[in-house]
């Protein structure tokens, strides 16, 4: 009798669960009837536009970019002699809930850029955190290398705004473009904790490409002052946020500007 009672209770529980699932499905169908997808504009898919000036380059005299070991910013650089001015632009998050969605979704982030009065060369790289807190970035040597280099047509400036020295390359707090205070109470709300796992690394998981259907990206050189590229990822190595690293190797004029428009482009599974 006791076993029969347990079986009956089990069947009753199954029936209740099925009933709840049907109720959820019915409610969802009713909601979609009243709110068809073509009438919906998800906030996370809105375009994110930013304009940067020379004062937004908040890391000065840099010789490397973040990774578990120092990474060169351009092929042929020297970790002793090269000097770059860097900013990190967040392509994903603009509070409260708009901006581009996670790269974990099926799709890619499309970036449209335009320089005004660029001096020297500008380098584009990408990096971002994974769900476990470790970071990913693009590689620029070996198979799967990708980056974008834009040559400017303006003469160099004579100064840059106050900036910070990036003393670490891993396991440190990174400040986004325009934030120059090293006061932890001021910068804590804006900073990103960058951590590349010493064993796994995460190099080559994110890519810069002009063909989002390709498995890996490529390294591009151009003198065109505007253009479009895509940020893609390996299937199992997506990022929850995407930071665009922009580095210039010359001081910029006061009328320098960089416009960035980023949006998520969904693709079929």
Protein backbone atom coordinates (compact mmCIF):
# COMPACT_ATOMS: atom_id res chain seq x y z
CA UNK A 1 0.00 0.00 0.00
CA UNK A 2 2.82 2.36 0.87
CA UNK A 3 4.48 1.80 -2.51
CA UNK A 4 1.20 2.26 -4.35
CA UNK A 5 0.67 5.52 -2.51
CA UNK A 6 4.07 6.78 -3.54
CA UNK A 7 3.43 5.84 -7.17
CA UNK A 8 0.11 7.66 -7.09
CA UNK A 9 1.74 10.71 -5.56
CA UNK A 10 4.42 10.60 -8.24
CA UNK A 11 1.84 10.50 -11.02
CA UNK A 12 -0.02 13.38 -9.41
CA UNK A 13 3.18 15.43 -9.28
CA UNK A 14 3.88 14.72 -12.96
CA UNK A 15 0.37 15.84 -13.89
CA UNK A 16 0.81 19.06 -11.91
CA UNK A 17 4.15 19.80 -13.61
CA UNK A 18 2.68 19.16 -17.06
CA UNK A 19 -0.23 21.43 -16.22
CA UNK A 20 2.12 24.21 -15.17
CA UNK A 21 4.14 23.85 -18.38
CA UNK A 22 0.98 24.03 -20.49
CA UNK A 23 -0.08 27.14 -18.59
CA UNK A 24 3.29 28.78 -19.22
CA UNK A 25 3.14 27.91 -22.91
CA UNK A 26 -0.42 29.22 -23.21
CA UNK A 27 0.52 32.47 -21.47
CA UNK A 28 3.56 32.90 -23.70
CA UNK A 29 1.52 32.32 -26.84
CA UNK A 30 -1.09 34.82 -25.68
CA UNK A 31 1.65 37.37 -24.92
CA UNK A 32 3.27 36.88 -28.34
CA UNK A 33 -0.13 37.29 -29.99
CA UNK A 34 -0.48 40.69 -28.35
CA UNK A 35 3.22 41.52 -28.82
CA UNK A 36 4.38 40.04 -32.13
CA UNK A 37 8.18 40.02 -32.65
CA UNK A 38 7.99 42.43 -35.58
CA UNK A 39 6.46 45.01 -33.23
CA UNK A 40 9.15 44.52 -30.59
CA UNK A 41 12.44 46.38 -30.42
CA UNK A 42 14.63 44.64 -27.83
CA UNK A 43 16.71 47.21 -25.97
CA UNK A 44 19.79 44.99 -26.10
CA UNK A 45 19.84 45.20 -29.89
CA UNK A 46 19.98 48.99 -30.10
CA UNK A 47 22.94 50.63 -31.78
CA UNK A 48 25.63 52.06 -29.54
CA UNK A 49 27.40 55.21 -30.81
CA UNK A 50 30.40 56.95 -29.27
CA UNK A 51 32.73 59.79 -30.24
CA UNK A 52 36.24 59.91 -28.79
CA UNK A 53 38.68 62.81 -28.66
CA UNK A 54 42.38 62.87 -27.89
CA UNK A 55 41.60 63.39 -24.18
CA UNK A 56 40.02 59.92 -24.11
CA UNK A 57 43.38 58.21 -24.58
CA UNK A 58 43.90 57.54 -20.89
CA UNK A 59 46.91 55.21 -21.08
CA UNK A 60 50.15 56.81 -22.23
CA UNK A 61 53.57 55.55 -23.38
CA UNK A 62 52.37 51.95 -23.62
CA UNK A 63 54.53 49.23 -25.11
CA UNK A 64 52.13 46.28 -24.85
CA UNK A 65 48.50 45.26 -24.54
CA UNK A 66 46.92 43.07 -21.83
CA UNK A 67 47.37 39.29 -21.78
CA UNK A 68 48.91 36.69 -19.45
CA UNK A 69 52.20 38.00 -20.81
CA UNK A 70 52.86 41.32 -22.58
CA UNK A 71 51.44 41.30 -26.12
CA UNK A 72 52.78 43.53 -28.87
CA UNK A 73 50.42 46.13 -30.28
CA UNK A 74 51.88 45.92 -33.80
CA UNK A 75 54.01 43.36 -35.61
CA UNK A 76 57.65 44.35 -35.43
CA UNK A 77 57.23 46.36 -32.23
CA UNK A 78 59.84 46.30 -29.52
CA UNK A 79 58.74 46.03 -25.90
CA UNK A 80 61.52 48.47 -24.99
CA UNK A 81 61.20 51.18 -27.63
CA UNK A 82 57.63 51.26 -28.95
CA UNK A 83 55.26 53.89 -27.56
CA UNK A 84 51.48 53.95 -27.96
CA UNK A 85 48.60 55.95 -26.52
CA UNK A 86 45.63 53.70 -25.75
CA UNK A 87 41.94 53.83 -24.94
CA UNK A 88 39.47 51.03 -24.25
CA UNK A 89 35.94 51.52 -25.57
CA UNK A 90 33.11 49.37 -24.22
CA UNK A 91 31.04 48.20 -27.19
CA UNK A 92 28.46 46.30 -25.15
CA UNK A 93 27.09 48.02 -22.10
CA UNK A 94 25.31 51.33 -21.79
CA UNK A 95 23.10 51.52 -18.69
CA UNK A 96 20.45 50.77 -17.82
CA UNK A 97 19.72 47.99 -20.32
CA UNK A 98 20.51 49.15 -23.84
CA UNK A 99 23.68 48.82 -25.86
CA UNK A 100 24.79 45.67 -27.66
CA UNK A 101 23.99 42.21 -26.30
CA UNK A 102 26.42 39.54 -25.23
CA UNK A 103 28.71 37.95 -27.75
CA UNK A 104 27.51 34.68 -26.24
CA UNK A 105 24.47 34.94 -28.50
CA UNK A 106 24.66 33.59 -32.02
CA UNK A 107 25.96 36.48 -34.07
CA UNK A 108 28.69 39.08 -34.15
CA UNK A 109 29.31 42.71 -33.28
CA UNK A 110 29.62 45.04 -36.25
CA UNK A 111 31.79 48.13 -35.76
CA UNK A 112 31.69 51.18 -38.01
CA UNK A 113 34.48 53.71 -37.42
CA UNK A 114 35.48 57.11 -38.78
CA UNK A 115 38.61 59.12 -38.00
CA UNK A 116 38.99 62.86 -38.31
CA UNK A 117 42.57 64.21 -38.43
CA UNK A 118 44.34 61.01 -37.43
CA UNK A 119 48.12 61.34 -37.08
CA UNK A 120 50.38 58.31 -37.40
CA UNK A 121 48.90 54.82 -37.18
CA UNK A 122 45.89 53.59 -35.22
CA UNK A 123 45.66 49.94 -34.16
CA UNK A 124 42.44 48.10 -33.30
CA UNK A 125 42.33 45.04 -31.03
CA UNK A 126 39.52 43.40 -29.02
CA UNK A 127 39.27 41.81 -25.60
CA UNK A 128 36.56 40.84 -23.16
CA UNK A 129 35.62 38.65 -20.17
CA UNK A 130 34.12 35.17 -20.39
CA UNK A 131 31.42 33.91 -18.00
CA UNK A 132 34.01 32.40 -15.63
CA UNK A 133 35.75 35.76 -15.22
CA UNK A 134 38.79 34.98 -17.38
CA UNK A 135 39.41 37.14 -20.43
CA UNK A 136 39.78 36.54 -24.17
CA UNK A 137 41.54 38.54 -26.88
CA UNK A 138 42.68 38.44 -30.50
CA UNK A 139 46.07 37.12 -31.56
CA UNK A 140 48.29 38.85 -34.11
CA UNK A 141 50.92 36.18 -34.71
CA UNK A 142 50.41 32.69 -36.12
CA UNK A 143 47.22 30.99 -37.29
CA UNK A 144 44.10 33.03 -36.69
CA UNK A 145 45.89 36.37 -36.42
CA UNK A 146 43.65 39.42 -36.68
CA UNK A 147 43.89 43.16 -36.17
CA UNK A 148 43.23 46.41 -38.03
CA UNK A 149 45.77 49.18 -38.68
CA UNK A 150 44.73 52.55 -40.08
CA UNK A 151 47.32 55.06 -41.36
CA UNK A 152 46.37 58.69 -40.81
CA UNK A 153 46.91 61.73 -43.01
CA UNK A 154 47.34 64.47 -40.39
CA UNK A 155 50.52 65.88 -38.85
CA UNK A 156 51.31 64.89 -35.25
CA UNK A 157 50.20 67.04 -32.35
CA UNK A 158 52.47 68.48 -29.67
CA UNK A 159 50.82 67.09 -26.54
CA UNK A 160 48.35 64.59 -25.14
CA UNK A 161 46.05 64.92 -22.15
CA UNK A 162 46.89 63.67 -18.68
CA UNK A 163 46.97 59.88 -18.69
CA UNK A 164 47.95 56.84 -16.66
CA UNK A 165 50.72 54.30 -17.04
CA UNK A 166 49.50 50.73 -17.40
CA UNK A 167 51.96 49.12 -15.04
CA UNK A 168 50.46 45.62 -15.31
CA UNK A 169 49.41 43.45 -18.24
CA UNK A 170 47.35 40.86 -16.32
CA UNK A 171 45.45 40.57 -13.06
CA UNK A 172 44.73 44.31 -12.76
CA UNK A 173 41.94 46.89 -12.95
CA UNK A 174 41.47 48.56 -16.33
CA UNK A 175 39.83 51.95 -16.80
CA UNK A 176 37.67 52.63 -19.88
CA UNK A 177 38.18 55.58 -22.21
CA UNK A 178 38.21 59.01 -20.60
CA UNK A 179 38.60 57.84 -16.99
CA UNK A 180 42.00 58.99 -15.74
CA UNK A 181 41.65 58.97 -11.96
CA UNK A 182 43.72 56.40 -10.10
CA UNK A 183 41.66 57.09 -6.97
CA UNK A 184 40.05 53.71 -6.23
CA UNK A 185 36.93 55.32 -4.76
CA UNK A 186 36.34 57.24 -7.98
CA UNK A 187 37.41 54.67 -10.54
CA UNK A 188 36.05 51.48 -8.91
CA UNK A 189 32.60 51.92 -10.42
CA UNK A 190 34.07 52.22 -13.91
CA UNK A 191 36.94 49.74 -13.90
CA UNK A 192 37.17 46.25 -15.36
CA UNK A 193 39.09 43.50 -13.62
CA UNK A 194 41.27 41.95 -16.33
CA UNK A 195 42.41 38.38 -15.74
CA UNK A 196 43.86 36.04 -18.34
CA UNK A 197 44.15 32.50 -17.00
CA UNK A 198 47.88 31.60 -16.88
CA UNK A 199 47.26 28.07 -18.21
CA UNK A 200 44.50 28.58 -20.81
CA UNK A 201 45.29 32.13 -21.85
CA UNK A 202 42.36 32.91 -24.15
CA UNK A 203 44.51 34.13 -27.03
CA UNK A 204 42.84 33.89 -30.43
CA UNK A 205 39.29 33.43 -29.11
CA UNK A 206 38.10 36.80 -30.43
CA UNK A 207 38.67 37.99 -33.99
CA UNK A 208 38.59 41.11 -36.13
CA UNK A 209 37.31 40.33 -39.60
CA UNK A 210 35.61 41.79 -42.65
CA UNK A 211 33.97 38.44 -43.37
CA UNK A 212 31.94 37.18 -40.37
CA UNK A 213 31.42 33.82 -42.10
CA UNK A 214 35.15 33.00 -41.91
CA UNK A 215 36.39 30.84 -39.04
CA UNK A 216 39.15 33.26 -38.12
CA UNK A 217 39.86 36.91 -38.82
CA UNK A 218 42.75 38.55 -40.63
CA UNK A 219 45.21 41.43 -40.26
CA UNK A 220 44.15 44.47 -42.28
CA UNK A 221 46.12 47.58 -43.26
CA UNK A 222 44.37 50.60 -44.73
CA UNK A 223 44.71 54.33 -45.25
CA UNK A 224 40.94 54.79 -45.54
CA UNK A 225 39.80 56.96 -42.64
CA UNK A 226 36.46 55.19 -42.27
CA UNK A 227 35.30 51.63 -42.59
CA UNK A 228 33.51 48.64 -41.11
CA UNK A 229 34.75 45.47 -39.43
CA UNK A 230 33.19 42.69 -37.37
CA UNK A 231 34.10 41.16 -34.02
CA UNK A 232 33.54 37.39 -33.99
CA UNK A 233 34.38 34.57 -31.60
CA UNK A 234 35.11 30.86 -31.51
CA UNK A 235 32.02 28.79 -30.80
CA UNK A 236 32.80 27.92 -27.19
CA UNK A 237 34.89 30.95 -26.34
CA UNK A 238 32.51 33.87 -26.48
CA UNK A 239 32.78 37.03 -24.43
CA UNK A 240 30.17 38.58 -22.19
CA UNK A 241 31.40 42.08 -22.98
CA UNK A 242 33.51 43.45 -25.78
CA UNK A 243 36.13 46.14 -25.26
CA UNK A 244 37.70 47.73 -28.31
CA UNK A 245 41.34 48.68 -27.78
CA UNK A 246 42.35 51.66 -29.91
CA UNK A 247 46.03 52.63 -29.86
CA UNK A 248 47.79 55.46 -31.72
CA UNK A 249 51.55 55.82 -32.11
CA UNK A 250 51.63 59.63 -32.42
CA UNK A 251 50.34 62.54 -30.38
CA UNK A 252 47.09 63.82 -31.86
CA UNK A 253 45.91 67.29 -32.84
CA UNK A 254 43.21 69.00 -30.79
CA UNK A 255 40.69 68.46 -33.59
CA UNK A 256 41.22 64.68 -33.66
CA UNK A 257 38.10 62.53 -33.29
CA UNK A 258 37.08 58.90 -33.65
CA UNK A 259 33.43 57.95 -34.14
CA UNK A 260 32.41 54.39 -33.28
CA UNK A 261 29.02 52.84 -34.05
CA UNK A 262 28.55 49.28 -32.80
CA UNK A 263 25.61 46.93 -33.11
CA UNK A 264 24.92 43.25 -32.67
CA UNK A 265 24.08 41.33 -35.84
CA UNK A 266 22.20 38.09 -35.04
CA UNK A 267 22.76 35.05 -37.23
CA UNK A 268 20.97 31.75 -37.65
CA UNK A 269 22.07 28.81 -35.50
